[in-house]
PDB file of N, CA and C in Angstrom:
ATOM      1  N   MET A   1     -10.222  95.822 121.425  1.00  0.00           N
ATOM      2  CA  MET A   1      -8.999  95.181 122.263  1.00  0.00           C
ATOM      3  C   MET A   1      -7.903  95.899 121.318  1.00  0.00           C
ATOM      4  N   ALA A   2      -6.950  96.539 121.900  1.00  0.00           N
ATOM      5  CA  ALA A   2      -5.791  96.995 121.215  1.00  0.00           C
ATOM      6  C   ALA A   2      -4.559  96.408 121.710  1.00  0.00           C
ATOM      7  N   ASN A   3      -3.640  96.106 120.785  1.00  0.00           N
ATOM      8  CA  ASN A   3      -2.319  95.842 121.108  1.00  0.00           C
ATOM      9  C   ASN A   3      -1.331  96.680 120.799  1.00  0.00           C
ATOM     10  N   VAL A   4      -0.585  97.233 121.580  1.00  0.00           N
ATOM     11  CA  VAL A   4       0.481  98.369 121.153  1.00  0.00           C
ATOM     12  C   VAL A   4       1.771  97.689 121.087  1.00  0.00           C
ATOM     13  N   ILE A   5       2.280  98.070 119.938  1.00  0.00           N
ATOM     14  CA  ILE A   5       3.825  97.510 119.610  1.00  0.00           C
ATOM     15  C   ILE A   5       4.758  98.656 120.214  1.00  0.00           C
ATOM     16  N   PRO A   6       5.735  98.322 120.936  1.00  0.00           N
ATOM     17  CA  PRO A   6       6.494  99.284 121.677  1.00  0.00           C
ATOM     18  C   PRO A   6       7.179 100.329 120.971  1.00  0.00           C
ATOM     19  N   SER A   7       7.099 100.224 119.563  1.00  0.00           N
ATOM     20  CA  SER A   7       7.832 101.250 118.695  1.00  0.00           C
ATOM     21  C   SER A   7       6.772 102.381 118.719  1.00  0.00           C
ATOM     22  N   GLY A   8       5.597 102.288 119.278  1.00  0.00           N
ATOM     23  CA  GLY A   8       4.637 103.456 119.044  1.00  0.00           C
ATOM     24  C   GLY A   8       3.398 103.105 118.100  1.00  0.00           C
ATOM     25  N   LEU A   9       3.829 102.216 117.122  1.00  0.00           N
ATOM     26  CA  LEU A   9       2.910 101.660 116.296  1.00  0.00           C
ATOM     27  C   LEU A   9       1.824 100.922 117.059  1.00  0.00           C
ATOM     28  N   ALA A  10       0.414 101.127 116.588  1.00  0.00           N
ATOM     29  CA  ALA A  10      -0.503 100.363 117.226  1.00  0.00           C
ATOM     30  C   ALA A  10      -1.399  99.595 116.210  1.00  0.00           C
ATOM     31  N   VAL A  11      -1.738  98.499 116.626  1.00  0.00           N
ATOM     32  CA  VAL A  11      -2.585  97.623 115.752  1.00  0.00           C
ATOM     33  C   VAL A  11      -3.815  97.420 116.540  1.00  0.00           C
ATOM     34  N   THR A  12      -4.832  97.916 116.121  1.00  0.00           N
ATOM     35  CA  THR A  12      -6.256  97.972 116.777  1.00  0.00           C
ATOM     36  C   THR A  12      -7.036  96.673 116.092  1.00  0.00           C
ATOM     37  N   LEU A  13      -7.450  95.704 117.161  1.00  0.00           N
ATOM     38  CA  LEU A  13      -8.085  94.655 116.874  1.00  0.00           C
ATOM     39  C   LEU A  13      -9.462  94.795 117.198  1.00  0.00           C
ATOM     40  N   LYS A  14     -10.431  94.169 116.702  1.00  0.00           N
ATOM     41  CA  LYS A  14     -11.881  94.071 116.938  1.00  0.00           C
ATOM     42  C   LYS A  14     -12.014  92.609 116.969  1.00  0.00           C
ATOM     43  N   LEU A  15     -12.565  92.254 118.056  1.00  0.00           N
ATOM     44  CA  LEU A  15     -12.794  90.798 118.049  1.00  0.00           C
ATOM     45  C   LEU A  15     -13.718  90.331 116.998  1.00  0.00           C
ATOM     46  N   ARG A  16     -14.529  91.016 116.314  1.00  0.00           N
ATOM     47  CA  ARG A  16     -15.381  90.733 115.159  1.00  0.00           C
ATOM     48  C   ARG A  16     -14.423  90.484 113.856  1.00  0.00           C
ATOM     49  N   CYS A  17     -13.300  90.810 114.174  1.00  0.00           N
ATOM     50  CA  CYS A  17     -12.378  90.808 112.711  1.00  0.00           C
ATOM     51  C   CYS A  17     -11.958  89.323 112.578  1.00  0.00           C
ATOM     52  N   GLY A  18     -11.913  88.529 113.546  1.00  0.00           N
ATOM     53  CA  GLY A  18     -11.467  87.147 113.501  1.00  0.00           C
ATOM     54  C   GLY A  18     -10.097  86.988 113.819  1.00  0.00           C
ATOM     55  N   PRO A  19      -9.865  85.517 113.877  1.00  0.00           N
ATOM     56  CA  PRO A  19      -8.623  85.224 114.423  1.00  0.00           C
ATOM     57  C   PRO A  19      -7.343  85.486 113.606  1.00  0.00           C
ATOM     58  N   SER A  20      -7.625  85.645 112.103  1.00  0.00           N
ATOM     59  CA  SER A  20      -6.463  86.096 111.321  1.00  0.00           C
ATOM     60  C   SER A  20      -5.860  87.378 111.592  1.00  0.00           C
ATOM     61  N   VAL A  21      -6.520  88.380 111.890  1.00  0.00           N
ATOM     62  CA  VAL A  21      -6.083  89.645 112.328  1.00  0.00           C
ATOM     63  C   VAL A  21      -5.478  89.567 113.639  1.00  0.00           C
ATOM     64  N   ALA A  22      -5.840  88.836 114.631  1.00  0.00           N
ATOM     65  CA  ALA A  22      -5.180  88.677 115.968  1.00  0.00           C
ATOM     66  C   ALA A  22      -3.926  87.958 115.593  1.00  0.00           C
ATOM     67  N   ALA A  23      -3.839  86.859 114.767  1.00  0.00           N
ATOM     68  CA  ALA A  23      -2.581  86.288 114.399  1.00  0.00           C
ATOM     69  C   ALA A  23      -1.682  87.121 113.775  1.00  0.00           C
ATOM     70  N   ILE A  24      -1.982  87.966 112.972  1.00  0.00           N
ATOM     71  CA  ILE A  24      -0.934  88.846 112.252  1.00  0.00           C
ATOM     72  C   ILE A  24      -0.531  89.890 113.303  1.00  0.00           C
ATOM     73  N   ALA A  25      -1.354  90.302 114.252  1.00  0.00           N
ATOM     74  CA  ALA A  25      -0.871  91.175 115.342  1.00  0.00           C
ATOM     75  C   ALA A  25       0.121  90.498 116.135  1.00  0.00           C
ATOM     76  N   LEU A  26      -0.130  89.333 116.448  1.00  0.00           N
ATOM     77  CA  LEU A  26       0.816  88.578 117.509  1.00  0.00           C
ATOM     78  C   LEU A  26       2.033  88.395 116.631  1.00  0.00           C
ATOM     79  N   LEU A  27       2.016  87.984 115.341  1.00  0.00           N
ATOM     80  CA  LEU A  27       3.229  87.841 114.588  1.00  0.00           C
ATOM     81  C   LEU A  27       4.128  89.198 114.470  1.00  0.00           C
ATOM     82  N   LEU A  28       3.542  90.296 114.188  1.00  0.00           N
ATOM     83  CA  LEU A  28       4.178  91.738 114.184  1.00  0.00           C
ATOM     84  C   LEU A  28       4.832  91.974 115.643  1.00  0.00           C
ATOM     85  N   ARG A  29       4.030  91.774 116.773  1.00  0.00           N
ATOM     86  CA  ARG A  29       4.468  91.988 117.983  1.00  0.00           C
ATOM     87  C   ARG A  29       5.714  91.134 118.352  1.00  0.00           C
ATOM     88  N   SER A  30       5.691  89.655 118.018  1.00  0.00           N
ATOM     89  CA  SER A  30       6.793  88.727 118.328  1.00  0.00           C
ATOM     90  C   SER A  30       7.963  89.071 117.374  1.00  0.00           C
ATOM     91  N   THR A  31       7.959  89.513 116.239  1.00  0.00           N
ATOM     92  CA  THR A  31       8.781  89.943 115.329  1.00  0.00           C
ATOM     93  C   THR A  31       9.595  91.273 115.764  1.00  0.00           C
ATOM     94  N   TYR A  32       8.895  92.185 116.068  1.00  0.00           N
ATOM     95  CA  TYR A  32       9.419  93.355 116.679  1.00  0.00           C
ATOM     96  C   TYR A  32      10.138  93.152 118.127  1.00  0.00           C
ATOM     97  N   ALA A  33       9.616  92.166 118.923  1.00  0.00           N
ATOM     98  CA  ALA A  33      10.563  92.010 120.097  1.00  0.00           C
ATOM     99  C   ALA A  33      11.662  91.421 119.854  1.00  0.00           C
ATOM    100  N   ARG A  34      11.663  90.361 118.913  1.00  0.00           N
ATOM    101  CA  ARG A  34      13.030  89.892 118.599  1.00  0.00           C
ATOM    102  C   ARG A  34      13.974  90.737 118.059  1.00  0.00           C
ATOM    103  N   ILE A  35      13.626  91.783 117.229  1.00  0.00           N
ATOM    104  CA  ILE A  35      14.405  92.738 116.753  1.00  0.00           C
ATOM    105  C   ILE A  35      14.894  93.888 117.782  1.00  0.00           C
ATOM    106  N   MET A  36      13.969  94.193 118.515  1.00  0.00           N
ATOM    107  CA  MET A  36      14.374  95.304 119.691  1.00  0.00           C
ATOM    108  C   MET A  36      15.229  94.781 120.758  1.00  0.00           C
ATOM    109  N   CYS A  37      15.008  93.389 121.201  1.00  0.00           N
ATOM    110  CA  CYS A  37      15.606  92.979 122.252  1.00  0.00           C
ATOM    111  C   CYS A  37      16.972  92.134 121.786  1.00  0.00           C
ATOM    112  N   ARG A  38      17.515  92.282 120.738  1.00  0.00           N
ATOM    113  CA  ARG A  38      18.539  91.543 120.224  1.00  0.00           C
ATOM    114  C   ARG A  38      19.710  91.299 121.120  1.00  0.00           C
ATOM    115  N   ASN A  39      19.995  92.494 121.825  1.00  0.00           N
ATOM    116  CA  ASN A  39      21.229  92.865 122.530  1.00  0.00           C
ATOM    117  C   ASN A  39      21.242  92.416 123.938  1.00  0.00           C
ATOM    118  N   ILE A  40      19.802  91.995 124.394  1.00  0.00           N
ATOM    119  CA  ILE A  40      19.894  91.571 125.784  1.00  0.00           C
ATOM    120  C   ILE A  40      20.211  90.071 125.804  1.00  0.00           C
ATOM    121  N   ARG A  41      21.280  89.935 126.625  1.00  0.00           N
ATOM    122  CA  ARG A  41      21.755  88.466 126.565  1.00  0.00           C
ATOM    123  C   ARG A  41      21.749  87.853 127.936  1.00  0.00           C
ATOM    124  N   THR A  42      21.564  86.465 127.949  1.00  0.00           N
ATOM    125  CA  THR A  42      21.723  85.892 129.327  1.00  0.00           C
ATOM    126  C   THR A  42      23.136  86.283 130.031  1.00  0.00           C
ATOM    127  N   LEU A  43      23.010  86.855 131.197  1.00  0.00           N
ATOM    128  CA  LEU A  43      24.120  87.227 131.993  1.00  0.00           C
ATOM    129  C   LEU A  43      24.535  86.317 133.230  1.00  0.00           C
ATOM    130  N   HIS A  44      23.671  85.499 133.505  1.00  0.00           N
ATOM    131  CA  HIS A  44      23.832  84.534 134.711  1.00  0.00           C
ATOM    132  C   HIS A  44      24.490  83.249 134.133  1.00  0.00           C
ATOM    133  N   ASN A  45      25.367  82.786 135.251  1.00  0.00           N
ATOM    134  CA  ASN A  45      26.082  81.402 135.196  1.00  0.00           C
ATOM    135  C   ASN A  45      27.024  81.449 133.903  1.00  0.00           C
ATOM    136  N   PHE A  46      27.951  82.467 133.767  1.00  0.00           N
ATOM    137  CA  PHE A  46      28.945  82.508 132.967  1.00  0.00           C
ATOM    138  C   PHE A  46      30.330  82.695 133.604  1.00  0.00           C
ATOM    139  N   GLU A  47      31.476  82.215 132.872  1.00  0.00           N
ATOM    140  CA  GLU A  47      32.723  82.354 133.607  1.00  0.00           C
ATOM    141  C   GLU A  47      33.516  83.094 132.553  1.00  0.00           C
ATOM    142  N   PRO A  48      34.167  84.234 132.755  1.00  0.00           N
ATOM    143  CA  PRO A  48      33.905  85.191 133.960  1.00  0.00           C
ATOM    144  C   PRO A  48      32.583  85.796 134.191  1.00  0.00           C
ATOM    145  N   PRO A  49      32.112  85.966 135.298  1.00  0.00           N
ATOM    146  CA  PRO A  49      31.021  86.533 135.761  1.00  0.00           C
ATOM    147  C   PRO A  49      30.641  87.885 134.845  1.00  0.00           C
ATOM    148  N   ALA A  50      29.240  88.197 134.746  1.00  0.00           N
ATOM    149  CA  ALA A  50      28.976  89.333 133.970  1.00  0.00           C
ATOM    150  C   ALA A  50      29.460  90.747 134.582  1.00  0.00           C
ATOM    151  N   THR A  51      29.902  91.625 134.004  1.00  0.00           N
ATOM    152  CA  THR A  51      30.280  92.963 134.729  1.00  0.00           C
ATOM    153  C   THR A  51      29.152  93.772 134.664  1.00  0.00           C
ATOM    154  N   GLU A  52      29.350  94.856 135.484  1.00  0.00           N
ATOM    155  CA  GLU A  52      28.389  95.818 135.687  1.00  0.00           C
ATOM    156  C   GLU A  52      28.119  96.633 134.260  1.00  0.00           C
ATOM    157  N   GLU A  53      29.059  96.696 133.576  1.00  0.00           N
ATOM    158  CA  GLU A  53      28.788  97.264 132.091  1.00  0.00           C
ATOM    159  C   GLU A  53      27.899  96.465 131.292  1.00  0.00           C
ATOM    160  N   GLU A  54      28.052  95.102 131.410  1.00  0.00           N
ATOM    161  CA  GLU A  54      26.989  94.351 130.709  1.00  0.00           C
ATOM    162  C   GLU A  54      25.825  94.233 131.233  1.00  0.00           C
ATOM    163  N   ALA A  55      25.609  94.481 132.543  1.00  0.00           N
ATOM    164  CA  ALA A  55      24.259  94.520 133.144  1.00  0.00           C
ATOM    165  C   ALA A  55      23.811  96.093 132.688  1.00  0.00           C
ATOM    166  N   ALA A  56      24.388  97.040 132.718  1.00  0.00           N
ATOM    167  CA  ALA A  56      24.158  98.401 132.252  1.00  0.00           C
ATOM    168  C   ALA A  56      23.573  98.247 130.785  1.00  0.00           C
ATOM    169  N   ALA A  57      24.293  97.613 130.046  1.00  0.00           N
ATOM    170  CA  ALA A  57      23.880  97.620 128.482  1.00  0.00           C
ATOM    171  C   ALA A  57      22.598  96.755 128.268  1.00  0.00           C
ATOM    172  N   ALA A  58      22.428  95.774 129.136  1.00  0.00           N
ATOM    173  CA  ALA A  58      21.090  95.045 129.060  1.00  0.00           C
ATOM    174  C   ALA A  58      20.022  95.923 129.595  1.00  0.00           C
ATOM    175  N   ALA A  59      20.396  96.533 130.719  1.00  0.00           N
ATOM    176  CA  ALA A  59      19.337  97.706 131.170  1.00  0.00           C
ATOM    177  C   ALA A  59      18.939  98.532 130.336  1.00  0.00           C
ATOM    178  N   LEU A  60      19.872  99.297 129.567  1.00  0.00           N
ATOM    179  CA  LEU A  60      19.587 100.151 128.561  1.00  0.00           C
ATOM    180  C   LEU A  60      18.615  99.545 127.585  1.00  0.00           C
ATOM    181  N   GLN A  61      19.000  98.427 127.045  1.00  0.00           N
ATOM    182  CA  GLN A  61      17.949  97.710 125.979  1.00  0.00           C
ATOM    183  C   GLN A  61      16.548  97.601 126.443  1.00  0.00           C
ATOM    184  N   TYR A  62      16.701  97.112 127.719  1.00  0.00           N
ATOM    185  CA  TYR A  62      15.198  96.950 128.336  1.00  0.00           C
ATOM    186  C   TYR A  62      14.402  98.116 128.488  1.00  0.00           C
ATOM    187  N   VAL A  63      15.075  99.313 128.927  1.00  0.00           N
ATOM    188  CA  VAL A  63      14.394 100.526 129.017  1.00  0.00           C
ATOM    189  C   VAL A  63      14.014 101.140 127.734  1.00  0.00           C
ATOM    190  N   ARG A  64      14.835 100.889 126.727  1.00  0.00           N
ATOM    191  CA  ARG A  64      14.534 101.330 125.393  1.00  0.00           C
ATOM    192  C   ARG A  64      13.371 100.534 124.840  1.00  0.00           C
ATOM    193  N   LYS A  65      13.344  99.272 125.229  1.00  0.00           N
ATOM    194  CA  LYS A  65      12.096  98.326 124.797  1.00  0.00           C
ATOM    195  C   LYS A  65      10.790  98.925 125.389  1.00  0.00           C
ATOM    196  N   ILE A  66      10.815  99.090 126.672  1.00  0.00           N
ATOM    197  CA  ILE A  66       9.421  99.350 127.262  1.00  0.00           C
ATOM    198  C   ILE A  66       9.113 100.801 127.056  1.00  0.00           C
ATOM    199  N   SER A  67      10.035 101.533 126.806  1.00  0.00           N
ATOM    200  CA  SER A  67       9.718 103.038 126.692  1.00  0.00           C
ATOM    201  C   SER A  67       9.427 103.346 125.008  1.00  0.00           C
ATOM    202  N   GLY A  68       9.801 102.401 124.383  1.00  0.00           N
ATOM    203  CA  GLY A  68       9.721 102.582 122.941  1.00  0.00           C
ATOM    204  C   GLY A  68      10.555 103.608 122.016  1.00  0.00           C
ATOM    205  N   THR A  69      11.430 104.020 122.728  1.00  0.00           N
ATOM    206  CA  THR A  69      12.422 104.761 122.129  1.00  0.00           C
ATOM    207  C   THR A  69      13.845 104.630 122.375  1.00  0.00           C
ATOM    208  N   SER A  70      14.608 104.775 121.370  1.00  0.00           N
ATOM    209  CA  SER A  70      16.106 104.557 121.596  1.00  0.00           C
ATOM    210  C   SER A  70      16.931 105.767 122.176  1.00  0.00           C
ATOM    211  N   LYS A  71      16.361 106.923 122.030  1.00  0.00           N
ATOM    212  CA  LYS A  71      16.993 108.147 122.498  1.00  0.00           C
ATOM    213  C   LYS A  71      15.556 109.112 123.053  1.00  0.00           C
ATOM    214  N   PRO A  72      15.579 109.264 124.258  1.00  0.00           N
ATOM    215  CA  PRO A  72      14.548 110.018 124.913  1.00  0.00           C
ATOM    216  C   PRO A  72      14.598 111.433 124.502  1.00  0.00           C
ATOM    217  N   SER A  73      13.372 112.117 124.736  1.00  0.00           N
ATOM    218  CA  SER A  73      13.534 113.530 124.435  1.00  0.00           C
ATOM    219  C   SER A  73      14.174 114.280 125.708  1.00  0.00           C
ATOM    220  N   GLN A  74      14.526 115.631 125.550  1.00  0.00           N
ATOM    221  CA  GLN A  74      15.020 116.329 126.703  1.00  0.00           C
ATOM    222  C   GLN A  74      14.198 116.233 127.851  1.00  0.00           C
ATOM    223  N   ALA A  75      12.824 116.212 127.595  1.00  0.00           N
ATOM    224  CA  ALA A  75      12.004 116.272 128.853  1.00  0.00           C
ATOM    225  C   ALA A  75      11.874 114.881 129.464  1.00  0.00           C
ATOM    226  N   ASN A  76      12.141 113.848 128.799  1.00  0.00           N
ATOM    227  CA  ASN A  76      12.260 112.438 129.485  1.00  0.00           C
ATOM    228  C   ASN A  76      13.595 112.023 129.670  1.00  0.00           C
ATOM    229  N   ALA A  77      14.489 112.728 129.482  1.00  0.00           N
ATOM    230  CA  ALA A  77      16.001 112.136 129.631  1.00  0.00           C
ATOM    231  C   ALA A  77      16.149 111.775 131.163  1.00  0.00           C
ATOM    232  N   ALA A  78      15.921 112.535 131.979  1.00  0.00           N
ATOM    233  CA  ALA A  78      16.304 112.467 133.492  1.00  0.00           C
ATOM    234  C   ALA A  78      15.507 111.106 133.839  1.00  0.00           C
ATOM    235  N   ALA A  79      14.248 110.966 133.525  1.00  0.00           N
ATOM    236  CA  ALA A  79      13.571 109.773 133.928  1.00  0.00           C
ATOM    237  C   ALA A  79      14.092 108.390 133.290  1.00  0.00           C
ATOM    238  N   PHE A  80      14.544 108.610 131.952  1.00  0.00           N
ATOM    239  CA  PHE A  80      15.000 107.495 131.208  1.00  0.00           C
ATOM    240  C   PHE A  80      16.456 107.008 131.818  1.00  0.00           C
ATOM    241  N   ASP A  81      17.210 108.016 132.090  1.00  0.00           N
ATOM    242  CA  ASP A  81      18.495 107.720 132.820  1.00  0.00           C
ATOM    243  C   ASP A  81      18.316 107.151 134.191  1.00  0.00           C
ATOM    244  N   ARG A  82      17.443 107.727 134.890  1.00  0.00           N
ATOM    245  CA  ARG A  82      17.219 107.221 136.184  1.00  0.00           C
ATOM    246  C   ARG A  82      16.834 105.654 136.152  1.00  0.00           C
ATOM    247  N   ALA A  83      15.763 105.422 135.141  1.00  0.00           N
ATOM    248  CA  ALA A  83      15.357 103.938 134.860  1.00  0.00           C
ATOM    249  C   ALA A  83      16.583 103.062 134.621  1.00  0.00           C
ATOM    250  N   VAL A  84      17.313 103.566 133.736  1.00  0.00           N
ATOM    251  CA  VAL A  84      18.462 102.592 133.493  1.00  0.00           C
ATOM    252  C   VAL A  84      19.220 102.307 134.658  1.00  0.00           C
ATOM    253  N   ALA A  85      19.684 103.349 135.393  1.00  0.00           N
ATOM    254  CA  ALA A  85      20.630 103.210 136.660  1.00  0.00           C
ATOM    255  C   ALA A  85      19.829 102.278 137.652  1.00  0.00           C
ATOM    256  N   GLU A  86      18.474 102.294 137.809  1.00  0.00           N
ATOM    257  CA  GLU A  86      17.815 101.590 138.692  1.00  0.00           C
ATOM    258  C   GLU A  86      17.778 100.182 138.227  1.00  0.00           C
ATOM    259  N   VAL A  87      17.447  99.985 136.955  1.00  0.00           N
ATOM    260  CA  VAL A  87      17.485  98.577 136.409  1.00  0.00           C
ATOM    261  C   VAL A  87      18.794  97.926 136.423  1.00  0.00           C
ATOM    262  N   THR A  88      19.830  98.692 136.212  1.00  0.00           N
ATOM    263  CA  THR A  88      21.247  97.972 136.392  1.00  0.00           C
ATOM    264  C   THR A  88      21.489  97.702 137.722  1.00  0.00           C
ATOM    265  N   ALA A  89      21.252  98.432 138.822  1.00  0.00           N
ATOM    266  CA  ALA A  89      21.415  98.145 140.031  1.00  0.00           C
ATOM    267  C   ALA A  89      20.615  96.755 140.358  1.00  0.00           C
ATOM    268  N   ILE A  90      19.406  96.704 140.063  1.00  0.00           N
ATOM    269  CA  ILE A  90      18.583  95.507 140.421  1.00  0.00           C
ATOM    270  C   ILE A  90      19.069  94.391 139.492  1.00  0.00           C
ATOM    271  N   THR A  91      19.548  94.648 138.500  1.00  0.00           N
ATOM    272  CA  THR A  91      20.185  93.374 137.589  1.00  0.00           C
ATOM    273  C   THR A  91      21.557  92.874 138.232  1.00  0.00           C
ATOM    274  N   VAL A  92      22.409  93.846 138.743  1.00  0.00           N
ATOM    275  CA  VAL A  92      23.600  93.367 139.520  1.00  0.00           C
ATOM    276  C   VAL A  92      23.311  92.510 140.711  1.00  0.00           C
ATOM    277  N   ARG A  93      22.456  93.148 141.522  1.00  0.00           N
ATOM    278  CA  ARG A  93      22.022  92.606 142.752  1.00  0.00           C
ATOM    279  C   ARG A  93      21.423  91.141 142.388  1.00  0.00           C
ATOM    280  N   LEU A  94      20.580  91.057 141.415  1.00  0.00           N
ATOM    281  CA  LEU A  94      19.986  89.689 141.092  1.00  0.00           C
ATOM    282  C   LEU A  94      20.959  88.682 140.670  1.00  0.00           C
ATOM    283  N   LEU A  95      21.769  89.193 139.840  1.00  0.00           N
ATOM    284  CA  LEU A  95      23.075  88.281 139.434  1.00  0.00           C
ATOM    285  C   LEU A  95      23.836  87.836 140.721  1.00  0.00           C
ATOM    286  N   ASP A  96      24.167  88.729 141.578  1.00  0.00           N
ATOM    287  CA  ASP A  96      24.940  88.352 142.710  1.00  0.00           C
ATOM    288  C   ASP A  96      24.168  87.383 143.671  1.00  0.00           C
ATOM    289  N   GLU A  97      22.787  87.426 143.556  1.00  0.00           N
ATOM    290  CA  GLU A  97      22.134  86.540 144.547  1.00  0.00           C
ATOM    291  C   GLU A  97      21.674  85.215 143.809  1.00  0.00           C
ATOM    292  N   LEU A  98      21.659  85.182 142.657  1.00  0.00           N
ATOM    293  CA  LEU A  98      21.243  83.806 141.998  1.00  0.00           C
ATOM    294  C   LEU A  98      22.310  82.684 142.122  1.00  0.00           C
ATOM    295  N   THR A  99      21.832  81.675 142.273  1.00  0.00           N
ATOM    296  CA  THR A  99      22.802  80.239 142.317  1.00  0.00           C
ATOM    297  C   THR A  99      22.440  79.431 141.136  1.00  0.00           C
ATOM    298  N   ALA A 100      23.450  78.810 140.975  1.00  0.00           N
ATOM    299  CA  ALA A 100      23.174  77.662 139.688  1.00  0.00           C
ATOM    300  C   ALA A 100      23.572  76.393 140.103  1.00  0.00           C
ATOM    301  N   VAL A 101      23.038  75.314 139.442  1.00  0.00           N
ATOM    302  CA  VAL A 101      23.276  73.944 139.859  1.00  0.00           C
ATOM    303  C   VAL A 101      24.193  73.405 138.685  1.00  0.00           C
ATOM    304  N   THR A 102      24.148  74.035 137.563  1.00  0.00           N
ATOM    305  CA  THR A 102      25.009  73.626 136.555  1.00  0.00           C
ATOM    306  C   THR A 102      26.288  74.345 136.429  1.00  0.00           C
ATOM    307  N   PRO A 103      27.433  73.771 135.900  1.00  0.00           N
ATOM    308  CA  PRO A 103      28.566  74.475 135.950  1.00  0.00           C
ATOM    309  C   PRO A 103      28.681  75.783 134.910  1.00  0.00           C
ATOM    310  N   PRO A 104      29.375  76.891 135.291  1.00  0.00           N
ATOM    311  CA  PRO A 104      29.288  77.956 134.449  1.00  0.00           C
ATOM    312  C   PRO A 104      29.660  77.860 133.045  1.00  0.00           C
ATOM    313  N   LYS A 105      29.034  78.509 132.121  1.00  0.00           N
ATOM    314  CA  LYS A 105      29.375  78.288 130.700  1.00  0.00           C
ATOM    315  C   LYS A 105      30.545  79.299 130.266  1.00  0.00           C
ATOM    316  N   ASN A 106      31.319  78.655 129.212  1.00  0.00           N
ATOM    317  CA  ASN A 106      32.424  79.574 128.876  1.00  0.00           C
ATOM    318  C   ASN A 106      32.137  80.595 127.919  1.00  0.00           C
ATOM    319  N   ARG A 107      32.404  81.716 128.173  1.00  0.00           N
ATOM    320  CA  ARG A 107      31.868  82.873 127.251  1.00  0.00           C
ATOM    321  C   ARG A 107      32.362  82.756 125.682  1.00  0.00           C
ATOM    322  N   GLU A 108      33.550  82.206 125.568  1.00  0.00           N
ATOM    323  CA  GLU A 108      34.075  81.953 124.291  1.00  0.00           C
ATOM    324  C   GLU A 108      33.542  80.985 123.585  1.00  0.00           C
ATOM    325  N   GLU A 109      33.121  79.776 124.180  1.00  0.00           N
ATOM    326  CA  GLU A 109      32.513  78.747 123.686  1.00  0.00           C
ATOM    327  C   GLU A 109      31.015  79.178 123.165  1.00  0.00           C
ATOM    328  N   GLU A 110      30.432  79.780 124.153  1.00  0.00           N
ATOM    329  CA  GLU A 110      29.119  80.111 123.785  1.00  0.00           C
ATOM    330  C   GLU A 110      28.974  81.095 122.728  1.00  0.00           C
ATOM    331  N   ALA A 111      30.242  82.180 122.413  1.00  0.00           N
ATOM    332  CA  ALA A 111      30.126  83.055 121.393  1.00  0.00           C
ATOM    333  C   ALA A 111      30.517  82.197 120.058  1.00  0.00           C
ATOM    334  N   GLU A 112      31.314  81.308 120.170  1.00  0.00           N
ATOM    335  CA  GLU A 112      31.547  80.460 119.012  1.00  0.00           C
ATOM    336  C   GLU A 112      30.405  79.749 118.445  1.00  0.00           C
ATOM    337  N   LYS A 113      29.463  79.254 119.433  1.00  0.00           N
ATOM    338  CA  LYS A 113      28.365  78.475 119.141  1.00  0.00           C
ATOM    339  C   LYS A 113      27.311  79.562 118.324  1.00  0.00           C
ATOM    340  N   ALA A 114      27.279  80.807 118.790  1.00  0.00           N
ATOM    341  CA  ALA A 114      26.310  81.874 118.360  1.00  0.00           C
ATOM    342  C   ALA A 114      26.931  82.113 116.864  1.00  0.00           C
ATOM    343  N   ARG A 115      28.202  82.219 116.706  1.00  0.00           N
ATOM    344  CA  ARG A 115      28.851  82.726 115.379  1.00  0.00           C
ATOM    345  C   ARG A 115      28.556  81.326 114.441  1.00  0.00           C
ATOM    346  N   ALA A 116      28.525  80.215 114.877  1.00  0.00           N
ATOM    347  CA  ALA A 116      28.173  79.049 113.944  1.00  0.00           C
ATOM    348  C   ALA A 116      26.623  79.193 113.701  1.00  0.00           C
ATOM    349  N   ARG A 117      25.893  79.472 114.638  1.00  0.00           N
ATOM    350  CA  ARG A 117      24.347  79.384 114.185  1.00  0.00           C
ATOM    351  C   ARG A 117      24.269  80.444 113.189  1.00  0.00           C
ATOM    352  N   ALA A 118      24.688  81.793 113.448  1.00  0.00           N
ATOM    353  CA  ALA A 118      24.621  82.922 112.476  1.00  0.00           C
ATOM    354  C   ALA A 118      25.057  82.485 111.153  1.00  0.00           C
ATOM    355  N   ALA A 119      26.392  81.751 111.008  1.00  0.00           N
ATOM    356  CA  ALA A 119      26.700  81.412 109.776  1.00  0.00           C
ATOM    357  C   ALA A 119      25.923  80.471 108.899  1.00  0.00           C
ATOM    358  N   SER A 120      25.301  79.600 109.763  1.00  0.00           N
ATOM    359  CA  SER A 120      24.474  78.651 109.077  1.00  0.00           C
ATOM    360  C   SER A 120      23.175  79.482 108.709  1.00  0.00           C
ATOM    361  N   ARG A 121      22.649  80.285 109.554  1.00  0.00           N
ATOM    362  CA  ARG A 121      21.502  81.174 109.171  1.00  0.00           C
ATOM    363  C   ARG A 121      21.431  82.108 108.035  1.00  0.00           C
ATOM    364  N   TYR A 122      22.604  82.543 107.778  1.00  0.00           N
ATOM    365  CA  TYR A 122      23.006  83.564 106.675  1.00  0.00           C
ATOM    366  C   TYR A 122      23.805  83.057 105.542  1.00  0.00           C
ATOM    367  N   ALA A 123      24.021  81.863 105.561  1.00  0.00           N
ATOM    368  CA  ALA A 123      24.650  81.053 104.323  1.00  0.00           C
ATOM    369  C   ALA A 123      23.872  81.315 103.234  1.00  0.00           C
ATOM    370  N   SER A 124      24.468  81.524 102.157  1.00  0.00           N
ATOM    371  CA  SER A 124      23.785  81.794 100.823  1.00  0.00           C
ATOM    372  C   SER A 124      23.613  80.402 100.170  1.00  0.00           C
TER     373      SER A 124
END
């Protein structure tokens, strides 16, 4: 059984190796996912609503994540750019069609909460 980490690194697991190897691989994969996707933010239910530029930034991060590269080769650039454009369009359409039962969150208040969490996380 093989688990491939999106960066192209591969961790090969054999069921005979036991649960500790599987646990390490899952930890590596979840740690990498947190690092790679840190710029994908929730875009739904904010005031003011998300812009197309924000949707495009999230789409770019998503395509980078699943392709395993932050900059495609010349041979893959067209497919990469097309994927970003299509994911952006789908994201914008999704955000337009979603409804919320809770009041929209204020961007500045949420940013302040994030800064407070970061300050406590990185406090010396």
